[in-house]
Protein backbone atom coordinates (compact mmCIF):
# COMPACT_ATOMS: atom_id res chain seq x y z
CA MET A 1 -17.76 -6.28 -31.94
CA LEU A 2 -14.57 -7.23 -30.10
CA PRO A 3 -12.17 -5.63 -32.64
CA LYS A 4 -14.30 -2.46 -32.54
CA ALA A 5 -14.14 -2.40 -28.74
CA GLU A 6 -10.37 -2.92 -28.86
CA ASP A 7 -9.97 0.03 -31.23
CA ALA A 8 -12.11 2.22 -28.97
CA LEU A 9 -10.04 1.42 -25.85
CA GLN A 10 -6.76 1.95 -27.69
CA ALA A 11 -8.02 5.33 -28.90
CA LEU A 12 -8.40 6.25 -25.22
CA GLY A 13 -4.79 5.27 -24.56
CA LEU A 14 -5.73 2.08 -22.70
CA PRO A 15 -4.50 -1.43 -23.49
CA ALA A 16 -7.26 -3.48 -25.11
CA ARG A 17 -5.80 -6.85 -24.13
CA ASP A 18 -3.89 -8.22 -21.19
CA ALA A 19 -0.15 -8.13 -21.92
CA TYR A 20 0.44 -11.81 -22.66
CA ARG A 21 3.94 -11.17 -24.01
CA LEU A 22 4.91 -9.84 -20.55
CA PRO A 23 6.90 -6.83 -21.73
CA SER A 24 9.49 -5.40 -19.36
CA SER A 25 8.48 -2.15 -17.73
CA SER A 26 10.65 0.79 -18.72
CA LEU A 27 9.69 2.70 -15.57
CA ARG A 28 11.74 2.85 -12.37
CA PHE A 29 11.76 4.52 -8.99
CA PRO A 30 13.68 7.83 -8.97
CA ASP A 31 16.79 5.97 -7.75
CA GLY A 32 16.71 3.72 -10.83
CA CYS A 33 15.56 0.58 -8.97
CA HIS A 34 12.71 -1.81 -9.76
CA TRP A 35 11.22 -2.76 -6.40
CA ARG A 36 10.93 -1.93 -2.72
CA VAL A 37 9.64 -3.55 0.47
CA GLU A 38 6.30 -2.63 2.06
CA ILE A 39 5.22 -4.16 5.35
CA SER A 40 1.73 -3.69 6.77
CA GLY A 41 0.43 -3.92 10.29
CA VAL A 42 2.93 -1.80 12.21
CA GLU A 43 0.31 -1.08 14.83
CA ARG A 44 2.14 0.38 17.81
CA LEU A 45 5.50 1.68 18.96
CA SER A 46 6.40 -1.81 20.15
CA THR A 47 5.63 -3.22 16.68
CA LEU A 48 7.79 -0.59 15.00
CA GLU A 49 10.66 -1.27 17.40
CA ALA A 50 10.46 -5.00 16.61
CA LEU A 51 10.48 -4.23 12.87
CA LEU A 52 13.56 -2.02 13.16
CA GLU A 53 15.42 -4.64 15.20
CA GLU A 54 14.59 -7.43 12.75
CA SER A 55 15.43 -5.30 9.71
CA GLU A 56 18.89 -4.72 11.18
CA ARG A 57 19.30 -8.37 12.09
CA GLN A 58 18.27 -9.63 8.64
CA GLN A 59 20.12 -6.82 6.84
CA ILE A 60 17.11 -6.09 4.64
CA PRO A 61 15.80 -2.56 4.02
CA VAL A 62 12.15 -1.78 4.75
CA HIS A 63 11.13 1.21 2.67
CA ARG A 64 7.48 1.70 3.58
CA ILE A 65 5.20 0.63 6.39
CA ILE A 66 1.42 0.70 6.58
CA ALA A 67 0.86 1.85 10.13
CA MET A 68 -1.95 1.76 12.66
CA VAL A 69 -4.21 -0.40 10.50
CA MET A 70 -6.53 -0.50 13.50
CA GLY A 71 -6.88 3.28 13.00
CA ALA A 72 -4.61 6.16 14.02
CA THR A 73 -7.38 7.48 16.27
CA TYR A 74 -6.40 4.82 18.82
CA LEU A 75 -2.92 6.27 19.43
CA VAL A 76 -2.50 9.28 21.71
CA PRO A 77 -0.43 12.25 20.47
CA GLU A 78 2.65 11.23 22.48
CA GLU A 79 2.64 7.79 20.85
CA LEU A 80 2.18 9.29 17.40
CA ARG A 81 5.10 11.69 17.88
CA GLU A 82 7.46 8.97 19.04
CA PHE A 83 6.32 6.71 16.18
CA ALA A 84 7.06 9.50 13.69
CA ARG A 85 10.46 10.16 15.26
CA LEU A 86 11.56 6.52 15.10
CA ALA A 87 10.43 6.18 11.47
CA ARG A 88 12.18 9.41 10.52
CA ASP A 89 15.43 8.31 12.12
CA ALA A 90 15.20 5.00 10.22
CA GLY A 91 14.35 6.67 6.90
CA ILE A 92 11.08 4.74 6.49
CA GLU A 93 7.98 6.04 4.75
CA VAL A 94 4.88 5.73 6.93
CA ILE A 95 1.41 5.37 5.42
CA VAL A 96 -0.99 6.13 8.27
CA THR A 97 -4.43 4.52 8.33
CA PRO A 98 -6.97 7.08 9.56
CA GLY A 99 -9.53 5.37 11.68
CA PRO A 100 -11.39 3.58 12.99
CA ARG A 101 -11.64 1.37 9.90
CA PRO A 102 -15.00 0.67 8.23
CA LEU A 103 -14.72 -3.05 9.04
CA TRP A 104 -15.30 -2.16 12.71
CA ASP A 105 -17.09 1.17 12.33
CA ALA A 106 -20.74 1.64 13.29
CA GLY A 107 -22.18 0.35 9.99
CA LYS A 108 -21.86 -3.42 9.55
CA GLN A 109 -23.19 -4.02 6.03
CA VAL A 110 -19.63 -4.08 4.71
CA ALA A 111 -18.77 -6.84 7.20
CA THR A 112 -21.34 -9.25 5.73
CA PRO A 113 -20.52 -11.59 2.81
CA GLU A 114 -22.96 -9.94 0.40
CA GLY A 115 -22.72 -6.43 1.80
CA ALA A 116 -18.98 -6.45 1.16
CA LEU A 117 -19.71 -6.53 -2.57
CA SER A 118 -20.81 -2.89 -2.38
CA GLY A 119 -17.27 -1.87 -1.50
CA LEU A 120 -15.45 -0.29 1.41
CA ARG A 121 -16.44 3.38 1.58
CA LEU A 122 -16.63 6.17 4.13
CA ARG A 123 -20.20 6.51 5.37
CA GLY A 124 -21.92 9.89 5.22
CA ALA A 125 -20.61 13.44 5.41
CA ASP A 126 -19.61 12.89 9.03
CA GLY A 127 -17.51 9.87 8.07
CA LEU A 128 -15.67 11.88 5.41
CA CYS A 129 -15.11 14.82 7.77
CA GLN A 130 -13.83 12.52 10.53
CA TYR A 131 -11.36 10.95 8.09
CA VAL A 132 -10.07 14.40 7.08
CA ALA A 133 -9.79 15.41 10.74
CA ASP A 134 -7.73 12.33 11.59
CA VAL A 135 -5.42 13.02 8.64
CA MET A 136 -4.94 16.61 9.81
CA ARG A 137 -4.20 15.37 13.34
CA ALA A 138 -1.51 13.04 11.98
CA VAL A 139 -0.09 15.76 9.69
CA ASP A 140 0.32 18.06 12.70
CA VAL A 141 2.43 15.36 14.37
CA GLY A 142 4.59 15.07 11.24
CA PHE A 143 3.22 12.16 9.16
CA ARG A 144 3.17 12.61 5.40
CA GLY A 145 1.56 9.44 4.00
CA PHE A 146 -2.04 8.21 4.24
CA LEU A 147 -4.13 5.21 3.18
CA VAL A 148 -7.29 5.85 1.12
CA TRP A 149 -9.92 3.28 0.15
CA ASP A 150 -12.63 5.56 -1.23
CA GLU A 151 -12.31 7.31 -4.62
CA GLY A 152 -14.48 10.25 -3.55
CA CYS A 153 -12.29 10.72 -0.49
CA LEU A 154 -9.16 10.47 -2.68
CA SER A 155 -10.49 13.26 -4.89
CA VAL A 156 -11.16 15.45 -1.84
CA MET A 157 -7.75 14.77 -0.31
CA ASN A 158 -6.02 15.64 -3.57
CA ARG A 159 -7.94 18.94 -3.71
CA LEU A 160 -6.98 19.71 -0.11
CA ARG A 161 -3.35 19.06 -1.04
CA GLN A 162 -3.56 21.23 -4.15
CA GLU A 163 -5.14 24.07 -2.19
CA VAL A 164 -2.51 23.74 0.59
CA HIS A 165 -4.91 22.72 3.34
CA LEU A 166 -2.46 19.82 3.55
CA PRO A 167 1.31 19.92 2.88
CA GLU A 168 2.29 19.58 -0.77
CA ASN A 169 4.53 16.59 0.03
CA VAL A 170 1.71 14.49 1.50
CA VAL A 171 1.20 11.23 -0.43
CA PHE A 172 -1.89 9.04 -0.80
CA LYS A 173 -1.83 5.28 -1.23
CA VAL A 174 -5.00 3.54 -2.45
CA SER A 175 -5.84 0.36 -0.56
CA ILE A 176 -6.62 -3.08 -1.95
CA PHE A 177 -10.08 -2.53 -0.45
CA ALA A 178 -10.86 -0.07 -3.26
CA GLY A 179 -10.97 -3.19 -5.45
CA HIS A 180 -9.31 -1.99 -8.66
CA ALA A 181 -8.30 -4.68 -11.14
CA ASN A 182 -8.11 -3.24 -14.67
CA PRO A 183 -6.24 -0.51 -16.59
CA ALA A 184 -9.21 1.90 -16.57
CA GLY A 185 -9.50 1.73 -12.79
CA ALA A 186 -5.76 2.21 -12.37
CA ARG A 187 -5.84 5.24 -14.70
CA LEU A 188 -8.77 6.70 -12.73
CA LEU A 189 -6.86 6.49 -9.46
CA GLU A 190 -3.84 8.20 -10.99
CA GLU A 191 -6.04 10.97 -12.39
CA LEU A 192 -7.71 11.46 -8.99
CA GLY A 193 -4.34 12.04 -7.34
CA ALA A 194 -3.15 8.66 -6.09
CA ASP A 195 0.61 8.49 -5.61
CA THR A 196 0.68 4.69 -5.39
CA PHE A 197 -2.00 1.98 -5.43
CA ASN A 198 -2.70 -1.59 -4.46
CA PRO A 199 -4.58 -3.57 -7.14
CA VAL A 200 -6.53 -6.65 -6.10
CA ALA A 201 -4.18 -9.41 -5.12
CA ASP A 202 -5.00 -12.27 -7.51
CA LEU A 203 -4.21 -10.63 -10.86
CA THR A 204 -2.15 -12.67 -13.29
CA LEU A 205 1.18 -11.51 -14.69
CA PRO A 206 -0.39 -10.46 -18.05
CA GLN A 207 -3.09 -8.53 -16.19
CA LEU A 208 -0.54 -6.69 -14.05
CA ALA A 209 1.55 -5.95 -17.13
CA ALA A 210 -1.53 -4.39 -18.74
CA LEU A 211 -2.09 -2.19 -15.68
CA ARG A 212 1.50 -1.01 -15.93
CA GLN A 213 0.88 0.11 -19.50
CA ALA A 214 -1.91 2.41 -18.25
CA VAL A 215 -0.18 4.27 -15.37
CA ARG A 216 3.19 5.56 -14.20
CA ILE A 217 2.64 5.52 -10.42
CA PRO A 218 4.03 2.61 -8.35
CA MET A 219 1.94 -0.53 -7.92
CA ASP A 220 1.83 -2.24 -4.55
CA ILE A 221 1.64 -5.99 -5.10
CA HIS A 222 0.66 -8.51 -2.45
CA VAL A 223 3.30 -11.22 -2.52
CA ILE A 224 1.95 -12.90 0.63
CA LEU A 225 -1.69 -12.42 1.59
CA PHE A 226 -4.15 -13.05 4.41
CA ASP A 227 -5.95 -16.40 4.47
CA SER A 228 -9.28 -14.54 4.33
CA PHE A 229 -8.22 -13.08 0.95
CA GLY A 230 -7.00 -16.38 -0.46
CA GLY A 231 -3.78 -16.95 1.47
CA HIS A 232 -1.51 -16.94 -1.56
CA ASN A 233 2.29 -16.88 -1.74
CA ARG A 234 3.90 -15.39 -4.88
CA MET A 235 7.51 -15.28 -3.69
CA TYR A 236 8.86 -17.14 -6.70
CA GLU A 237 7.04 -14.79 -9.07
CA CYS A 238 8.82 -11.75 -7.62
CA PRO A 239 11.56 -11.50 -10.28
CA GLU A 240 8.94 -11.45 -13.05
CA LEU A 241 6.65 -9.17 -11.05
CA ALA A 242 9.44 -6.63 -10.64
CA ARG A 243 10.40 -6.89 -14.30
CA ILE A 244 6.93 -6.26 -15.72
CA ALA A 245 5.42 -4.00 -13.03
CA ALA A 246 8.33 -1.75 -11.98
CA PRO A 247 8.27 0.47 -10.08
CA CYS A 248 6.50 -1.70 -7.52
CA TYR A 249 6.38 -2.42 -3.82
CA PHE A 250 6.25 -6.02 -2.67
CA LYS A 251 3.67 -6.17 0.07
CA ILE A 252 3.91 -8.85 2.77
CA GLU A 253 0.77 -9.58 4.78
CA PRO A 254 0.38 -13.09 6.21
CA GLY A 255 -2.20 -13.95 8.84
CA PRO A 256 -5.76 -15.18 9.32
CA SER A 257 -7.79 -12.03 8.47
CA VAL A 258 -7.69 -8.25 8.50
CA SER A 259 -10.78 -7.84 10.66
CA THR A 260 -9.39 -9.90 13.56
CA PHE A 261 -5.65 -9.29 13.37
CA TYR A 262 -5.76 -5.49 13.26
CA LYS A 263 -8.43 -4.66 15.78
CA PRO A 264 -6.95 -2.47 18.54
CA TRP A 265 -7.33 -5.10 21.24
CA ALA A 266 -5.18 -7.68 19.39
CA ALA A 267 -2.22 -8.68 21.57
CA PRO A 268 0.92 -6.56 21.08
CA GLU A 269 3.02 -9.72 21.51
CA THR A 270 1.32 -11.27 18.49
CA HIS A 271 2.01 -8.18 16.40
CA ARG A 272 5.69 -8.20 17.38
CA PHE A 273 6.08 -11.86 16.44
CA VAL A 274 4.33 -11.49 13.09
CA ILE A 275 6.18 -8.30 12.15
CA ARG A 276 9.50 -10.11 12.63
CA GLU A 277 8.27 -12.91 10.37
CA LYS A 278 7.29 -10.37 7.72
CA VAL A 279 10.78 -8.85 7.73
CA LYS A 280 12.29 -12.33 7.43
CA MET A 281 10.02 -13.01 4.45
CA ALA A 282 11.28 -9.79 2.84
CA ARG A 283 14.82 -11.13 3.10
CA ILE A 284 13.75 -14.40 1.47
CA ILE A 285 12.11 -12.46 -1.37
CA ARG A 286 15.30 -10.47 -1.92
CA ASP A 287 17.35 -13.68 -1.99
CA ILE A 288 15.02 -15.21 -4.58
CA VAL A 289 15.21 -12.12 -6.80
CA VAL A 290 19.00 -11.88 -6.56
CA GLU A 291 19.51 -15.59 -7.25
CA THR A 292 17.06 -15.60 -10.16
CA CYS A 293 17.72 -12.27 -11.83
CA GLY A 294 20.52 -10.14 -10.43
CA GLY A 295 19.68 -7.26 -12.77
CA ILE A 296 16.38 -6.61 -10.97
CA LYS A 297 17.36 -4.07 -8.33
CA CYS A 298 15.91 -3.34 -4.90
CA SER A 299 16.26 0.20 -3.60
CA PRO A 300 18.74 0.69 -0.77
CA ALA A 301 17.49 1.94 2.56
CA ALA A 302 16.00 5.44 2.87
CA PRO A 303 15.77 6.63 -0.77
CA ALA A 304 15.26 10.36 -1.01
CA ASP A 305 11.76 10.30 -2.57
CA LEU A 306 9.99 8.60 0.36
CA ALA A 307 7.32 10.39 2.38
CA ILE A 308 9.32 10.16 5.59
CA PRO A 309 7.72 11.72 8.70
CA GLU A 310 8.75 15.23 9.70
CA PRO A 311 8.15 15.38 13.47
């Protein structure tokens, strides 16, 4: 039956096997480059300021940040406006995390070892409406990028964008917590309106190459990952990752766990220290790519297609 199944998947335009030959991706970012830098956990103004200082010191561009992972609800409007202004002036795309996050929301099933298998989703109609409200609050301040971890919510947000309840230039990034790991899932996200997505972090090179054959949107690949997710380091794979998965963001997220590091009462000093380390790791990744394969290009700072805030 396997050959029959392969024929059926290929008829749907999906790869039937992982791409063991590791073909080079023919896709690029609009500026013609293969890869960009994404750094998560820019929680507060002080964290963003530390990131900007370290980016200048290391002479490494940061193209996108995942901000307020604790939840944008925890920042007052004045903080949000200043955050948007600083990111705009630096030419950095900001993906806001509406919040609070499900890992520390009212329902705790998802925080248990077995309950987590059911997936990270918004809970109830109120949960969906509160997410939309927090996005609208951030849009009013000037943010144009948002994290989504629920396919139903993604579909709704795309409809709101199409019907101009949200600006047409708003972008949606699908989180690793959505748990997608195969070409069909990647294709589904693209069809639902995702502008970029984060597959699960432990996919092999052939598996990632197969995902690239199914979609055109950027993939966001964890190069360094939380201990609670496996704690891996794929720095030396970055040249091959960029070659087969372009256009892609290299995502840098060291630390013990999401559920402790990003809660709103985590110490700002800790966030500042770790964000500087993340920027330094981005420089190391760039050095590895340049030394290994100079033809694999990183975008310069502030490419024109980013969803930069408009405060």
